[in-house]
């Protein structure tokens, strides 16, 4: 059974990840976990904000259902991206899940202070990442109630 039970459109995910190997690991893990998804990957915080701004005004693809955000990003770091998302009326409703290698208390606390939906530490084991992403996909596709649906 797929993570969404076949009940909805694919989960639109914006992955903000500067390490190509990590982005590929997430992509493969989502596929292996059979999470129906449409993945957009951007490599830095500035690009993430530009893509979200275009989506918010309806220029191109719709806003993502979920943002997976790394914290250590070039140009604009993840906490600043998160702050700008939550300060923007058109974007603040987006669920943002931090997906990072940082276990620092300041990063966890700073992320939750900015109203994230979750904080996930990237495991080294790709199999464990697949399980985490399968659970995440199931939650957002099948278990979560979306007020806009």
C-alpha atoms as a PDB file:
ATOM      1  CA  UNK A   1       0.000   0.000   0.000  1.00  0.00           C
ATOM      2  CA  UNK A   2       1.289   3.436  -0.824  1.00  0.00           C
ATOM      3  CA  UNK A   3       1.656   6.063   1.865  1.00  0.00           C
ATOM      4  CA  UNK A   4      -1.424   7.895   0.624  1.00  0.00           C
ATOM      5  CA  UNK A   5      -3.667   4.897   0.072  1.00  0.00           C
ATOM      6  CA  UNK A   6      -4.381   6.302  -3.397  1.00  0.00           C
ATOM      7  CA  UNK A   7      -6.778   8.856  -1.924  1.00  0.00           C
ATOM      8  CA  UNK A   8      -5.241  12.191  -3.017  1.00  0.00           C
ATOM      9  CA  UNK A   9      -3.092  13.841  -5.609  1.00  0.00           C
ATOM     10  CA  UNK A  10       0.647  13.394  -5.158  1.00  0.00           C
ATOM     11  CA  UNK A  11       2.151  15.276  -2.261  1.00  0.00           C
ATOM     12  CA  UNK A  12       3.801  18.435  -3.627  1.00  0.00           C
ATOM     13  CA  UNK A  13       7.096  18.809  -1.780  1.00  0.00           C
ATOM     14  CA  UNK A  14       9.605  21.633  -1.947  1.00  0.00           C
ATOM     15  CA  UNK A  15      12.974  20.295  -0.778  1.00  0.00           C
ATOM     16  CA  UNK A  16      15.492  22.977   0.146  1.00  0.00           C
ATOM     17  CA  UNK A  17      18.807  21.141   0.251  1.00  0.00           C
ATOM     18  CA  UNK A  18      22.250  22.330  -0.840  1.00  0.00           C
ATOM     19  CA  UNK A  19      23.962  18.921  -0.855  1.00  0.00           C
ATOM     20  CA  UNK A  20      23.129  17.099  -4.119  1.00  0.00           C
ATOM     21  CA  UNK A  21      23.830  13.720  -2.500  1.00  0.00           C
ATOM     22  CA  UNK A  22      21.343  14.458   0.306  1.00  0.00           C
ATOM     23  CA  UNK A  23      18.720  15.653  -2.183  1.00  0.00           C
ATOM     24  CA  UNK A  24      19.156  12.453  -4.167  1.00  0.00           C
ATOM     25  CA  UNK A  25      18.919  10.403  -0.973  1.00  0.00           C
ATOM     26  CA  UNK A  26      15.596  12.088  -0.141  1.00  0.00           C
ATOM     27  CA  UNK A  27      14.303  11.548  -3.685  1.00  0.00           C
ATOM     28  CA  UNK A  28      15.216   7.852  -3.642  1.00  0.00           C
ATOM     29  CA  UNK A  29      13.849   7.389  -0.138  1.00  0.00           C
ATOM     30  CA  UNK A  30      10.491   8.882  -1.140  1.00  0.00           C
ATOM     31  CA  UNK A  31      10.342   6.576  -4.152  1.00  0.00           C
ATOM     32  CA  UNK A  32      11.408   3.520  -2.163  1.00  0.00           C
ATOM     33  CA  UNK A  33       8.806   4.338   0.489  1.00  0.00           C
ATOM     34  CA  UNK A  34       6.185   4.592  -2.280  1.00  0.00           C
ATOM     35  CA  UNK A  35       5.154   8.095  -1.283  1.00  0.00           C
ATOM     36  CA  UNK A  36       3.276   9.583  -4.231  1.00  0.00           C
ATOM     37  CA  UNK A  37       4.977  12.919  -4.649  1.00  0.00           C
ATOM     38  CA  UNK A  38       6.001  15.724  -6.952  1.00  0.00           C
ATOM     39  CA  UNK A  39       9.392  16.909  -5.748  1.00  0.00           C
ATOM     40  CA  UNK A  40      10.885  20.317  -6.486  1.00  0.00           C
ATOM     41  CA  UNK A  41      14.468  20.743  -5.294  1.00  0.00           C
ATOM     42  CA  UNK A  42      16.236  24.044  -4.757  1.00  0.00           C
ATOM     43  CA  UNK A  43      19.830  24.377  -3.581  1.00  0.00           C
ATOM     44  CA  UNK A  44      19.818  27.474  -1.380  1.00  0.00           C
ATOM     45  CA  UNK A  45      17.612  29.688   0.747  1.00  0.00           C
ATOM     46  CA  UNK A  46      17.502  32.582  -1.689  1.00  0.00           C
ATOM     47  CA  UNK A  47      16.285  30.304  -4.479  1.00  0.00           C
ATOM     48  CA  UNK A  48      13.691  28.775  -2.135  1.00  0.00           C
ATOM     49  CA  UNK A  49      12.233  32.183  -1.317  1.00  0.00           C
ATOM     50  CA  UNK A  50      12.174  33.181  -4.998  1.00  0.00           C
ATOM     51  CA  UNK A  51      10.391  29.952  -6.002  1.00  0.00           C
ATOM     52  CA  UNK A  52       7.848  30.320  -3.199  1.00  0.00           C
ATOM     53  CA  UNK A  53       7.209  33.967  -4.130  1.00  0.00           C
ATOM     54  CA  UNK A  54       6.479  32.950  -7.748  1.00  0.00           C
ATOM     55  CA  UNK A  55       4.207  30.124  -6.587  1.00  0.00           C
ATOM     56  CA  UNK A  56       2.370  32.429  -4.177  1.00  0.00           C
ATOM     57  CA  UNK A  57       1.323  34.780  -6.974  1.00  0.00           C
ATOM     58  CA  UNK A  58       0.192  31.920  -9.183  1.00  0.00           C
ATOM     59  CA  UNK A  59       3.041  32.177 -11.678  1.00  0.00           C
ATOM     60  CA  UNK A  60       3.618  28.558 -12.613  1.00  0.00           C
ATOM     61  CA  UNK A  61       3.077  25.654 -10.289  1.00  0.00           C
ATOM     62  CA  UNK A  62       0.937  25.754  -7.132  1.00  0.00           C
ATOM     63  CA  UNK A  63       2.366  26.140  -3.650  1.00  0.00           C
ATOM     64  CA  UNK A  64       3.799  22.965  -2.136  1.00  0.00           C
ATOM     65  CA  UNK A  65       1.852  20.861   0.335  1.00  0.00           C
ATOM     66  CA  UNK A  66       5.008  20.513   2.402  1.00  0.00           C
ATOM     67  CA  UNK A  67       8.395  22.197   2.637  1.00  0.00           C
ATOM     68  CA  UNK A  68      11.389  20.089   3.714  1.00  0.00           C
ATOM     69  CA  UNK A  69      14.004  22.610   4.796  1.00  0.00           C
ATOM     70  CA  UNK A  70      17.662  22.110   5.640  1.00  0.00           C
ATOM     71  CA  UNK A  71      19.119  24.629   8.080  1.00  0.00           C
ATOM     72  CA  UNK A  72      22.677  24.962   6.782  1.00  0.00           C
ATOM     73  CA  UNK A  73      22.153  26.652   3.426  1.00  0.00           C
ATOM     74  CA  UNK A  74      24.211  29.055   1.329  1.00  0.00           C
ATOM     75  CA  UNK A  75      23.125  32.653   0.664  1.00  0.00           C
ATOM     76  CA  UNK A  76      20.131  32.615   3.069  1.00  0.00           C
ATOM     77  CA  UNK A  77      20.190  30.115   5.932  1.00  0.00           C
ATOM     78  CA  UNK A  78      17.277  27.865   6.809  1.00  0.00           C
ATOM     79  CA  UNK A  79      16.144  29.748   9.921  1.00  0.00           C
ATOM     80  CA  UNK A  80      15.937  32.974   7.893  1.00  0.00           C
ATOM     81  CA  UNK A  81      13.996  31.180   5.138  1.00  0.00           C
ATOM     82  CA  UNK A  82      11.641  29.863   7.793  1.00  0.00           C
ATOM     83  CA  UNK A  83      11.237  33.333   9.330  1.00  0.00           C
ATOM     84  CA  UNK A  84      10.387  34.844   5.947  1.00  0.00           C
ATOM     85  CA  UNK A  85       7.895  32.061   5.128  1.00  0.00           C
ATOM     86  CA  UNK A  86       6.098  32.545   8.434  1.00  0.00           C
ATOM     87  CA  UNK A  87       6.095  36.358   8.035  1.00  0.00           C
ATOM     88  CA  UNK A  88       4.442  36.194   4.597  1.00  0.00           C
ATOM     89  CA  UNK A  89       0.633  36.109   4.658  1.00  0.00           C
ATOM     90  CA  UNK A  90       0.512  34.019   1.469  1.00  0.00           C
ATOM     91  CA  UNK A  91       3.022  31.445   2.754  1.00  0.00           C
ATOM     92  CA  UNK A  92       2.671  31.223   6.536  1.00  0.00           C
ATOM     93  CA  UNK A  93       0.134  28.396   6.330  1.00  0.00           C
ATOM     94  CA  UNK A  94       2.674  26.110   4.625  1.00  0.00           C
ATOM     95  CA  UNK A  95       3.788  23.219   6.806  1.00  0.00           C
ATOM     96  CA  UNK A  96       7.566  23.334   7.103  1.00  0.00           C
ATOM     97  CA  UNK A  97       9.477  20.328   8.375  1.00  0.00           C
ATOM     98  CA  UNK A  98      13.139  20.819   9.152  1.00  0.00           C
ATOM     99  CA  UNK A  99      15.237  18.000   7.673  1.00  0.00           C
ATOM    100  CA  UNK A 100      18.786  18.574   8.824  1.00  0.00           C
ATOM    101  CA  UNK A 101      21.851  16.934  10.274  1.00  0.00           C
ATOM    102  CA  UNK A 102      21.895  19.410  13.180  1.00  0.00           C
ATOM    103  CA  UNK A 103      20.880  18.189  16.607  1.00  0.00           C
ATOM    104  CA  UNK A 104      21.872  21.470  18.275  1.00  0.00           C
ATOM    105  CA  UNK A 105      19.407  22.594  20.938  1.00  0.00           C
ATOM    106  CA  UNK A 106      19.517  26.167  19.591  1.00  0.00           C
ATOM    107  CA  UNK A 107      18.509  24.963  16.111  1.00  0.00           C
ATOM    108  CA  UNK A 108      15.654  22.844  17.451  1.00  0.00           C
ATOM    109  CA  UNK A 109      14.382  25.614  19.734  1.00  0.00           C
ATOM    110  CA  UNK A 110      14.812  28.308  17.080  1.00  0.00           C
ATOM    111  CA  UNK A 111      12.915  26.226  14.548  1.00  0.00           C
ATOM    112  CA  UNK A 112       9.983  25.511  16.846  1.00  0.00           C
ATOM    113  CA  UNK A 113       9.887  29.180  17.877  1.00  0.00           C
ATOM    114  CA  UNK A 114       9.218  29.911  14.195  1.00  0.00           C
ATOM    115  CA  UNK A 115       6.261  27.503  14.093  1.00  0.00           C
ATOM    116  CA  UNK A 116       7.572  24.490  12.231  1.00  0.00           C
ATOM    117  CA  UNK A 117       5.461  21.370  11.755  1.00  0.00           C
ATOM    118  CA  UNK A 118       8.327  19.066  12.732  1.00  0.00           C
ATOM    119  CA  UNK A 119      12.070  18.665  13.170  1.00  0.00           C
ATOM    120  CA  UNK A 120      13.751  15.596  11.691  1.00  0.00           C
ATOM    121  CA  UNK A 121      17.427  14.766  11.982  1.00  0.00           C
ATOM    122  CA  UNK A 122      18.780  13.072   8.861  1.00  0.00           C
ATOM    123  CA  UNK A 123      19.950   9.585   9.740  1.00  0.00           C
ATOM    124  CA  UNK A 124      23.123   8.258   8.167  1.00  0.00           C
ATOM    125  CA  UNK A 125      21.332   5.030   7.196  1.00  0.00           C
ATOM    126  CA  UNK A 126      19.321   5.558   3.987  1.00  0.00           C
ATOM    127  CA  UNK A 127      16.932   2.781   5.042  1.00  0.00           C
ATOM    128  CA  UNK A 128      16.039   4.701   8.179  1.00  0.00           C
ATOM    129  CA  UNK A 129      15.532   7.849   6.125  1.00  0.00           C
ATOM    130  CA  UNK A 130      13.124   5.927   3.899  1.00  0.00           C
ATOM    131  CA  UNK A 131      11.079   4.885   6.923  1.00  0.00           C
ATOM    132  CA  UNK A 132      10.987   8.434   8.268  1.00  0.00           C
ATOM    133  CA  UNK A 133       9.880   9.802   4.895  1.00  0.00           C
ATOM    134  CA  UNK A 134       7.268   7.064   4.489  1.00  0.00           C
ATOM    135  CA  UNK A 135       5.785   8.018   7.869  1.00  0.00           C
ATOM    136  CA  UNK A 136       5.948  11.683   6.919  1.00  0.00           C
ATOM    137  CA  UNK A 137       4.246  11.002   3.580  1.00  0.00           C
ATOM    138  CA  UNK A 138       1.520   8.966   5.247  1.00  0.00           C
ATOM    139  CA  UNK A 139       0.888  11.733   7.758  1.00  0.00           C
ATOM    140  CA  UNK A 140       0.596  14.494   5.164  1.00  0.00           C
ATOM    141  CA  UNK A 141      -1.317  12.467   2.586  1.00  0.00           C
ATOM    142  CA  UNK A 142      -3.613  10.280   4.628  1.00  0.00           C
ATOM    143  CA  UNK A 143      -3.619  11.354   8.245  1.00  0.00           C
ATOM    144  CA  UNK A 144      -3.559  15.126   8.126  1.00  0.00           C
ATOM    145  CA  UNK A 145      -6.725  17.205   7.754  1.00  0.00           C
ATOM    146  CA  UNK A 146      -6.164  20.061   5.331  1.00  0.00           C
ATOM    147  CA  UNK A 147      -8.505  23.025   5.914  1.00  0.00           C
ATOM    148  CA  UNK A 148      -8.206  24.072   2.258  1.00  0.00           C
ATOM    149  CA  UNK A 149      -9.375  20.652   0.952  1.00  0.00           C
END
